[in-house]
Protein backbone atom coordinates (compact mmCIF):
# COMPACT_ATOMS: atom_id res chain seq x y z
CA MET A 1 164.99 128.47 161.45
CA ASN A 2 161.32 127.60 161.78
CA ALA A 3 160.78 123.92 160.91
CA SER A 4 157.85 124.58 158.53
CA LEU A 5 159.86 127.29 156.73
CA TYR A 6 162.79 124.90 156.34
CA VAL A 7 160.54 122.21 154.86
CA SER A 8 159.04 124.75 152.44
CA ILE A 9 162.49 125.80 151.26
CA ILE A 10 163.49 122.17 150.65
CA VAL A 11 160.30 121.51 148.67
CA ILE A 12 160.78 124.62 146.52
CA TYR A 13 164.44 123.70 145.91
CA LYS A 14 163.51 120.19 144.74
CA LEU A 15 160.83 121.56 142.42
CA LEU A 16 163.30 124.00 140.90
CA CYS A 17 165.84 121.22 140.38
CA TYR A 18 163.16 119.03 138.82
CA ASN A 19 161.99 121.72 136.42
CA SER A 20 165.57 122.56 135.48
CA SER A 21 166.40 118.93 134.68
CA MET A 22 163.20 118.53 132.68
CA LYS A 23 163.98 121.57 130.55
CA LYS A 24 167.34 120.14 129.63
CA GLN A 25 165.84 116.94 128.24
CA THR A 26 164.84 116.84 124.61
CA SER A 27 162.56 113.86 124.02
CA ILE A 28 161.12 110.68 125.49
CA SER A 29 159.56 107.49 124.13
CA LEU A 30 157.00 105.91 126.46
CA VAL A 31 156.53 102.19 125.75
CA LEU A 32 153.30 100.53 126.90
CA PRO A 33 153.04 96.74 126.41
CA ALA A 34 149.42 95.63 126.13
CA PHE A 35 147.68 92.27 125.96
CA ASN A 36 143.89 92.13 126.28
CA GLU A 37 143.72 95.50 128.03
CA GLU A 38 140.44 96.69 126.46
CA SER A 39 139.13 97.88 129.83
CA GLN A 40 142.23 99.92 130.66
CA ILE A 41 144.22 100.88 127.55
CA ALA A 42 142.21 103.97 126.56
CA ARG A 43 142.58 105.44 130.05
CA THR A 44 146.31 104.63 130.12
CA VAL A 45 146.95 106.27 126.74
CA GLU A 46 144.85 109.30 127.68
CA GLN A 47 146.81 109.75 130.92
CA ALA A 48 150.12 109.38 129.03
CA HIS A 49 148.99 111.99 126.48
CA TYR A 50 147.95 114.40 129.22
CA TRP A 51 151.25 113.91 131.04
CA LEU A 52 153.34 114.49 127.90
CA LYS A 53 151.29 117.54 126.99
CA HIS A 54 152.28 119.21 130.25
CA GLN A 55 156.00 118.40 130.08
CA PRO A 56 158.76 120.41 128.39
CA LEU A 57 159.51 117.30 126.34
CA ARG A 58 158.89 116.10 122.83
CA GLY A 59 157.51 112.62 123.07
CA GLU A 60 155.86 109.59 121.55
CA ILE A 61 153.63 106.94 123.07
CA ILE A 62 154.40 103.47 121.74
CA VAL A 63 151.76 100.85 122.51
CA VAL A 64 152.70 97.28 121.65
CA ASN A 65 149.53 95.31 120.96
CA ASN A 66 150.85 91.88 121.89
CA GLY A 67 148.41 89.69 119.96
CA SER A 68 145.34 90.81 121.92
CA THR A 69 142.20 88.79 121.25
CA ASP A 70 139.76 91.33 122.70
CA ASN A 71 138.98 94.87 121.48
CA THR A 72 142.38 96.31 122.41
CA GLY A 73 143.41 96.57 118.74
CA LYS A 74 140.24 98.40 117.68
CA ILE A 75 140.49 100.80 120.61
CA LEU A 76 144.10 101.60 119.73
CA HIS A 77 143.15 102.16 116.08
CA ASP A 78 140.50 104.68 117.15
CA LEU A 79 142.89 106.37 119.57
CA SER A 80 145.51 106.77 116.81
CA HIS A 81 143.16 109.24 115.09
CA ILE A 82 142.96 111.30 118.27
CA TYR A 83 146.54 111.33 119.53
CA LYS A 84 149.13 112.11 116.87
CA GLU A 85 152.00 111.02 119.13
CA LEU A 86 150.57 107.48 119.43
CA VAL A 87 152.59 104.77 117.66
CA ILE A 88 151.17 101.26 117.48
CA VAL A 89 153.40 98.19 117.19
CA ARG A 90 151.50 94.99 116.43
CA HIS A 91 152.33 91.38 117.22
CA LYS A 92 150.16 88.96 115.27
CA HIS A 93 150.35 86.50 118.15
CA ASN A 94 151.11 86.90 121.86
CA GLN A 95 154.89 86.74 122.11
CA GLY A 96 155.12 87.31 125.86
CA TYR A 97 155.71 90.37 127.99
CA ALA A 98 159.44 90.62 127.38
CA ARG A 99 159.24 90.56 123.59
CA SER A 100 156.47 93.14 123.81
CA VAL A 101 158.64 95.55 125.78
CA ARG A 102 161.63 94.79 123.56
CA SER A 103 159.68 95.52 120.37
CA GLY A 104 158.56 98.85 121.81
CA CYS A 105 162.09 99.82 122.81
CA ASP A 106 163.37 98.78 119.36
CA ALA A 107 160.83 101.12 117.78
CA ALA A 108 161.66 104.07 120.05
CA LYS A 109 163.15 107.14 118.35
CA MET A 110 163.54 109.60 121.22
CA ASP A 111 166.55 110.31 123.45
CA ILE A 112 165.11 108.65 126.55
CA ILE A 113 163.10 105.43 126.64
CA ALA A 114 160.60 104.72 129.41
CA TYR A 115 158.39 101.69 129.74
CA MET A 116 155.44 101.08 132.00
CA ASP A 117 152.88 98.30 132.39
CA SER A 118 149.45 99.14 130.97
CA ASP A 119 147.34 97.37 133.60
CA GLY A 120 146.61 100.50 135.64
CA GLN A 121 148.87 99.59 138.58
CA TYR A 122 151.31 102.40 137.74
CA ASP A 123 150.77 106.13 137.30
CA VAL A 124 152.56 107.82 134.40
CA GLU A 125 153.08 110.86 136.63
CA ASP A 126 155.68 108.83 138.54
CA ILE A 127 157.94 108.82 135.50
CA GLY A 128 158.52 112.41 136.54
CA ARG A 129 160.15 111.05 139.71
CA LEU A 130 162.61 109.01 137.65
CA ILE A 131 163.56 111.57 134.98
CA PRO A 132 165.66 113.88 137.22
CA GLN A 133 167.87 110.91 138.13
CA ILE A 134 168.82 110.38 134.48
CA GLN A 135 171.24 113.27 135.00
CA ASN A 136 173.38 111.03 137.21
CA ALA A 137 172.79 107.57 135.78
CA ASP A 138 172.10 105.92 132.43
CA PHE A 139 169.33 103.69 133.80
CA VAL A 140 166.67 104.43 136.43
CA ALA A 141 164.30 101.76 137.78
CA GLY A 142 161.26 102.12 139.97
CA VAL A 143 160.74 100.31 143.26
CA ARG A 144 157.13 99.71 144.26
CA ARG A 145 156.30 101.39 147.55
CA LYS A 146 153.49 99.66 149.45
CA ARG A 147 153.04 97.05 146.74
CA GLN A 148 149.34 96.47 146.08
CA ASP A 149 149.41 92.74 145.36
CA SER A 150 148.26 89.62 147.16
CA ALA A 151 150.33 88.13 149.97
CA VAL A 152 151.22 85.19 147.73
CA ARG A 153 152.58 87.44 144.96
CA LYS A 154 154.55 89.47 147.51
CA LEU A 155 156.08 86.30 148.97
CA ASN A 156 156.91 84.97 145.50
CA SER A 157 158.60 88.29 144.70
CA VAL A 158 160.75 88.20 147.84
CA LEU A 159 161.86 84.63 147.17
CA TRP A 160 162.49 85.31 143.48
CA ASN A 161 164.54 88.46 144.12
CA SER A 162 166.59 86.57 146.71
CA LEU A 163 167.30 83.78 144.22
CA ILE A 164 168.39 86.28 141.56
CA LYS A 165 170.76 87.95 144.02
CA ILE A 166 172.36 84.62 144.88
CA LEU A 167 172.71 83.33 141.31
CA PHE A 168 173.70 86.54 139.53
CA ARG A 169 174.92 88.76 142.37
CA ILE A 170 172.54 91.49 141.30
CA HIS A 171 171.81 93.65 144.32
CA ALA A 172 168.66 95.39 143.20
CA LYS A 173 165.33 95.76 144.94
CA ASP A 174 162.12 94.86 143.15
CA ILE A 175 163.84 93.75 139.93
CA ASP A 176 160.56 93.18 138.08
CA CYS A 177 158.96 96.56 138.81
CA GLY A 178 157.11 97.56 135.64
CA MET A 179 158.42 101.12 135.37
CA LYS A 180 161.93 101.90 134.13
CA ILE A 181 163.64 104.61 132.08
CA PHE A 182 167.05 104.79 130.39
CA LYS A 183 169.04 106.63 127.75
CA ARG A 184 168.36 105.20 124.31
CA SER A 185 172.10 105.21 123.61
CA ILE A 186 172.59 102.22 125.96
CA TRP A 187 169.75 100.10 124.59
CA PRO A 188 172.02 98.10 122.20
CA LEU A 189 174.22 97.26 125.21
CA ILE A 190 171.44 96.08 127.53
CA ARG A 191 168.89 94.64 125.07
CA PRO A 192 167.96 91.15 126.38
CA ILE A 193 168.26 88.29 123.90
CA TYR A 194 168.22 85.17 126.11
CA ALA A 195 165.38 86.04 128.49
CA THR A 196 162.26 86.56 126.44
CA GLY A 197 159.81 86.09 129.31
CA ASN A 198 159.85 86.62 133.06
CA LEU A 199 163.65 86.94 133.17
CA PHE A 200 163.60 90.06 131.00
CA SER A 201 164.39 92.46 133.86
CA THR A 202 166.96 90.06 135.29
CA GLU A 203 168.89 90.05 132.02
CA LEU A 204 168.57 93.83 131.85
CA PHE A 205 170.20 94.20 135.26
CA LEU A 206 172.79 91.53 134.47
CA ARG A 207 173.84 93.42 131.34
CA LEU A 208 173.95 96.67 133.30
CA LYS A 209 176.27 94.99 135.78
CA LEU A 210 178.56 93.36 133.21
CA ARG A 211 178.74 96.54 131.12
CA ASN A 212 179.46 98.63 134.22
CA ILE A 213 176.55 100.93 133.44
CA LYS A 214 175.44 103.10 136.34
CA TRP A 215 171.88 102.59 137.52
CA VAL A 216 169.76 103.85 140.40
CA GLN A 217 166.36 102.96 141.86
CA ILE A 218 163.61 105.32 142.99
CA LYS A 219 160.47 104.54 144.98
CA ILE A 220 157.20 104.92 143.09
CA ARG A 221 153.54 104.34 143.84
CA HIS A 222 151.72 101.11 143.11
CA PHE A 223 147.97 100.67 142.76
CA PRO A 224 145.55 97.72 143.01
CA ARG A 225 144.69 95.93 139.78
CA LEU A 226 141.13 96.95 138.86
CA HIS A 227 140.74 94.87 135.71
CA GLY A 228 141.97 91.48 134.56
CA SER A 229 144.02 89.10 136.65
CA ALA A 230 147.70 88.53 137.32
CA THR A 231 149.26 85.38 135.87
CA GLY A 232 152.57 85.33 137.72
CA SER A 233 151.49 82.60 140.16
CA GLN A 234 150.22 80.17 137.52
CA PHE A 235 152.17 76.91 137.27
CA VAL A 236 152.94 77.29 133.57
CA VAL A 237 154.33 80.79 134.16
CA ILE A 238 156.48 79.62 137.07
CA PHE A 239 157.76 76.66 135.03
CA GLU A 240 158.64 78.99 132.14
CA ALA A 241 160.44 81.35 134.54
CA PHE A 242 162.72 78.59 135.86
CA SER A 243 163.31 77.33 132.33
CA GLN A 244 164.49 80.78 131.26
CA LEU A 245 166.50 81.08 134.46
CA TRP A 246 168.45 78.01 133.39
CA THR A 247 168.88 79.42 129.87
CA LEU A 248 170.24 82.69 131.23
CA LEU A 249 172.61 80.89 133.60
CA ARG A 250 174.01 78.82 130.72
CA ASN A 251 174.52 81.87 128.52
CA LYS A 252 175.58 84.58 130.97
CA ASP A 253 179.28 84.14 130.06
CA ARG A 254 178.41 84.97 126.45
CA ILE A 255 177.26 88.43 127.45
CA PRO A 256 180.10 90.88 126.71
CA HIS A 257 181.97 92.23 129.73
CA SER A 258 183.32 95.69 129.21
CA PHE A 259 183.86 99.02 130.86
CA HIS A 260 181.17 101.45 129.81
CA GLN A 261 181.95 105.16 129.77
CA PRO A 262 178.73 106.86 130.94
CA SER A 263 177.02 108.47 127.97
CA PRO A 264 176.26 112.19 128.09
CA THR A 265 172.73 113.17 128.98
CA PRO A 266 170.96 114.27 125.78
CA TYR A 267 170.72 118.02 126.24
């Protein structure tokens, strides 16, 4: 068989499988945590709206305004009059990234929950790469391909992921990737309660492991940050991360261990 013809057949087959899996899904909640994202949030919501509009899915966009002190709140208020699927969750004060994501997931009403950072480094279109995998697993996490961060942040990530693997025996790549989806039925089982900051994803994966919930990882794109600045390398953030690491280590035996029967995909 001609090589180009073979490649074409494979591409068509994957597209058919993708469309078939999408049609079987019923609804999705997209959670977007936001803190001082006035320069980016309108574009992110618009892209999410456009993506949902072209999917065979009912959906809602949940933006968690995490105590923003800029114009993020006003922009979201104006956007709520344009996009009927937009739901706004408000924190009076900044409660940290983890509590922001958790509040959004708590508010979700659809069959599948997805969350994605709102800083413009992820493309909502890549959620479409994760959705087909929800047929075979309850939880699907992204892995940043060609991560667009500084050398220091990349090194910190490698060292951090290695430490997590040693301490918790979690064998996952890019634990803190800011794009993940899962069936809403498992949220009560994996909802973090000890890690309310940088260890949020670590506790997620730890609960997946202890509950014997099947998860997979899929490569996604990652883009340079165009607005704002990353805080992960700041001393106070690093200190808080190790403080929460100690808290999670002390409490990991309190997390229920049980066999989880995979939940049916919501068709």
